[in-house]
C-alpha atoms as a PDB file:
ATOM      1  CA  UNK A   1      43.420 -81.975  18.532  1.00  0.00           C
ATOM      2  CA  UNK A   2      40.316 -84.167  18.559  1.00  0.00           C
ATOM      3  CA  UNK A   3      36.737 -82.800  19.335  1.00  0.00           C
ATOM      4  CA  UNK A   4      36.242 -85.465  22.157  1.00  0.00           C
ATOM      5  CA  UNK A   5      38.287 -85.186  25.375  1.00  0.00           C
ATOM      6  CA  UNK A   6      40.423 -88.045  26.205  1.00  0.00           C
ATOM      7  CA  UNK A   7      41.620 -88.942  29.726  1.00  0.00           C
ATOM      8  CA  UNK A   8      44.190 -91.169  31.026  1.00  0.00           C
ATOM      9  CA  UNK A   9      42.939 -92.732  34.155  1.00  0.00           C
ATOM     10  CA  UNK A  10      45.370 -94.560  36.698  1.00  0.00           C
ATOM     11  CA  UNK A  11      43.877 -96.496  39.505  1.00  0.00           C
ATOM     12  CA  UNK A  12      44.507 -99.194  42.176  1.00  0.00           C
ATOM     13  CA  UNK A  13      43.106-102.563  41.694  1.00  0.00           C
ATOM     14  CA  UNK A  14      43.875-105.702  43.724  1.00  0.00           C
ATOM     15  CA  UNK A  15      47.445-104.713  44.197  1.00  0.00           C
ATOM     16  CA  UNK A  16      47.921-103.663  40.758  1.00  0.00           C
ATOM     17  CA  UNK A  17      48.032-100.176  39.010  1.00  0.00           C
ATOM     18  CA  UNK A  18      45.846 -99.975  36.122  1.00  0.00           C
ATOM     19  CA  UNK A  19      46.237 -97.472  33.218  1.00  0.00           C
ATOM     20  CA  UNK A  20      43.011 -97.026  31.088  1.00  0.00           C
ATOM     21  CA  UNK A  21      41.996 -94.363  28.612  1.00  0.00           C
ATOM     22  CA  UNK A  22      38.416 -93.008  28.504  1.00  0.00           C
ATOM     23  CA  UNK A  23      36.344 -90.494  26.953  1.00  0.00           C
ATOM     24  CA  UNK A  24      34.190 -89.577  30.135  1.00  0.00           C
ATOM     25  CA  UNK A  25      35.176 -89.061  33.759  1.00  0.00           C
ATOM     26  CA  UNK A  26      33.123 -87.463  36.450  1.00  0.00           C
ATOM     27  CA  UNK A  27      31.779 -87.733  39.970  1.00  0.00           C
ATOM     28  CA  UNK A  28      29.025 -90.314  40.394  1.00  0.00           C
ATOM     29  CA  UNK A  29      25.593 -88.818  41.132  1.00  0.00           C
ATOM     30  CA  UNK A  30      24.047 -92.079  42.457  1.00  0.00           C
ATOM     31  CA  UNK A  31      27.061 -93.097  44.595  1.00  0.00           C
ATOM     32  CA  UNK A  32      28.786 -90.673  46.893  1.00  0.00           C
ATOM     33  CA  UNK A  33      32.649 -91.284  47.132  1.00  0.00           C
ATOM     34  CA  UNK A  34      32.950 -92.682  43.602  1.00  0.00           C
ATOM     35  CA  UNK A  35      34.456 -91.604  40.285  1.00  0.00           C
ATOM     36  CA  UNK A  36      32.767 -92.521  37.032  1.00  0.00           C
ATOM     37  CA  UNK A  37      34.880 -93.653  34.187  1.00  0.00           C
ATOM     38  CA  UNK A  38      33.089 -94.574  30.915  1.00  0.00           C
ATOM     39  CA  UNK A  39      33.454 -94.754  27.216  1.00  0.00           C
ATOM     40  CA  UNK A  40      36.806 -96.719  27.565  1.00  0.00           C
ATOM     41  CA  UNK A  41      39.034 -96.528  24.614  1.00  0.00           C
ATOM     42  CA  UNK A  42      41.086 -99.755  23.216  1.00  0.00           C
ATOM     43  CA  UNK A  43      43.198-100.062  20.387  1.00  0.00           C
ATOM     44  CA  UNK A  44      41.815-102.092  17.710  1.00  0.00           C
ATOM     45  CA  UNK A  45      44.956-104.382  16.237  1.00  0.00           C
ATOM     46  CA  UNK A  46      44.040-106.039  12.919  1.00  0.00           C
ATOM     47  CA  UNK A  47      47.382-107.290  12.200  1.00  0.00           C
ATOM     48  CA  UNK A  48      49.638-109.901  13.449  1.00  0.00           C
ATOM     49  CA  UNK A  49      51.132-108.018  16.220  1.00  0.00           C
ATOM     50  CA  UNK A  50      48.838-107.866  19.337  1.00  0.00           C
ATOM     51  CA  UNK A  51      49.542-106.056  22.557  1.00  0.00           C
ATOM     52  CA  UNK A  52      48.819-108.778  25.651  1.00  0.00           C
ATOM     53  CA  UNK A  53      48.084-105.877  27.965  1.00  0.00           C
ATOM     54  CA  UNK A  54      45.515-104.270  25.772  1.00  0.00           C
ATOM     55  CA  UNK A  55      44.122-107.623  25.163  1.00  0.00           C
ATOM     56  CA  UNK A  56      43.812-108.507  28.848  1.00  0.00           C
ATOM     57  CA  UNK A  57      42.167-105.075  29.695  1.00  0.00           C
ATOM     58  CA  UNK A  58      39.777-105.445  26.737  1.00  0.00           C
ATOM     59  CA  UNK A  59      38.811-109.108  28.238  1.00  0.00           C
ATOM     60  CA  UNK A  60      38.290-107.586  31.707  1.00  0.00           C
ATOM     61  CA  UNK A  61      36.619-104.127  30.929  1.00  0.00           C
ATOM     62  CA  UNK A  62      35.488-104.566  27.133  1.00  0.00           C
ATOM     63  CA  UNK A  63      31.764-104.856  28.005  1.00  0.00           C
ATOM     64  CA  UNK A  64      31.866-102.172  30.824  1.00  0.00           C
ATOM     65  CA  UNK A  65      29.738 -99.352  30.356  1.00  0.00           C
ATOM     66  CA  UNK A  66      30.785 -97.374  33.355  1.00  0.00           C
ATOM     67  CA  UNK A  67      33.306 -98.073  36.092  1.00  0.00           C
ATOM     68  CA  UNK A  68      32.540 -96.783  39.466  1.00  0.00           C
ATOM     69  CA  UNK A  69      35.910 -96.241  41.122  1.00  0.00           C
ATOM     70  CA  UNK A  70      36.346 -95.573  44.771  1.00  0.00           C
ATOM     71  CA  UNK A  71      37.823 -92.100  45.169  1.00  0.00           C
ATOM     72  CA  UNK A  72      40.847 -93.465  47.170  1.00  0.00           C
ATOM     73  CA  UNK A  73      41.671 -95.928  44.501  1.00  0.00           C
ATOM     74  CA  UNK A  74      42.219 -93.250  41.948  1.00  0.00           C
ATOM     75  CA  UNK A  75      45.735 -92.264  41.745  1.00  0.00           C
ATOM     76  CA  UNK A  76      45.846 -89.724  38.776  1.00  0.00           C
ATOM     77  CA  UNK A  77      43.504 -88.590  36.104  1.00  0.00           C
ATOM     78  CA  UNK A  78      45.241 -86.870  33.119  1.00  0.00           C
ATOM     79  CA  UNK A  79      43.492 -85.110  30.099  1.00  0.00           C
ATOM     80  CA  UNK A  80      45.624 -86.086  27.166  1.00  0.00           C
ATOM     81  CA  UNK A  81      45.796 -85.338  23.164  1.00  0.00           C
ATOM     82  CA  UNK A  82      46.248 -88.862  22.303  1.00  0.00           C
ATOM     83  CA  UNK A  83      46.175 -92.419  23.470  1.00  0.00           C
ATOM     84  CA  UNK A  84      49.374 -94.042  24.718  1.00  0.00           C
ATOM     85  CA  UNK A  85      49.881 -97.602  25.722  1.00  0.00           C
ATOM     86  CA  UNK A  86      47.631 -99.033  28.357  1.00  0.00           C
ATOM     87  CA  UNK A  87      49.343-100.699  31.106  1.00  0.00           C
ATOM     88  CA  UNK A  88      48.979-103.015  34.353  1.00  0.00           C
ATOM     89  CA  UNK A  89      51.808-102.640  36.674  1.00  0.00           C
ATOM     90  CA  UNK A  90      52.782-104.037  40.164  1.00  0.00           C
ATOM     91  CA  UNK A  91      51.782-101.444  42.712  1.00  0.00           C
ATOM     92  CA  UNK A  92      55.235-102.050  44.866  1.00  0.00           C
ATOM     93  CA  UNK A  93      57.769-102.376  42.050  1.00  0.00           C
ATOM     94  CA  UNK A  94      56.057-100.541  39.307  1.00  0.00           C
ATOM     95  CA  UNK A  95      56.998-103.281  36.598  1.00  0.00           C
ATOM     96  CA  UNK A  96      54.502-104.260  34.026  1.00  0.00           C
ATOM     97  CA  UNK A  97      52.502-107.441  34.986  1.00  0.00           C
ATOM     98  CA  UNK A  98      51.725-108.719  31.553  1.00  0.00           C
ATOM     99  CA  UNK A  99      54.912-109.160  29.305  1.00  0.00           C
ATOM    100  CA  UNK A 100      54.692-109.488  25.764  1.00  0.00           C
ATOM    101  CA  UNK A 101      56.808-112.613  25.549  1.00  0.00           C
ATOM    102  CA  UNK A 102      57.935-115.198  28.117  1.00  0.00           C
ATOM    103  CA  UNK A 103      60.830-113.795  29.903  1.00  0.00           C
ATOM    104  CA  UNK A 104      63.734-116.614  30.189  1.00  0.00           C
ATOM    105  CA  UNK A 105      64.887-117.437  33.734  1.00  0.00           C
ATOM    106  CA  UNK A 106      68.072-115.934  34.837  1.00  0.00           C
ATOM    107  CA  UNK A 107      70.968-118.455  35.030  1.00  0.00           C
ATOM    108  CA  UNK A 108      72.291-119.226  38.525  1.00  0.00           C
END
């Protein structure tokens, strides 16, 4: 196990469920009712295969030093041993919002 603790943070944001990995999670000392999430962890892909969800999350949160999430938006915080796949899901259906390839339309 790594010497640094790793957390999987699941939270609601604009009708979607985000799953991110971070090294720091705590209560905000400056803003009551918020959870701090910092030191976000992203995969570094250097090959041809790129995870579009990871890229979208890196675009949105790549320069973020600290997220201050309202407590009511946090769904779950898990301490994990290793990083899994980050995700953005629809809050109602649970389906992934970012798909790796265009999904063909169903024939009628």
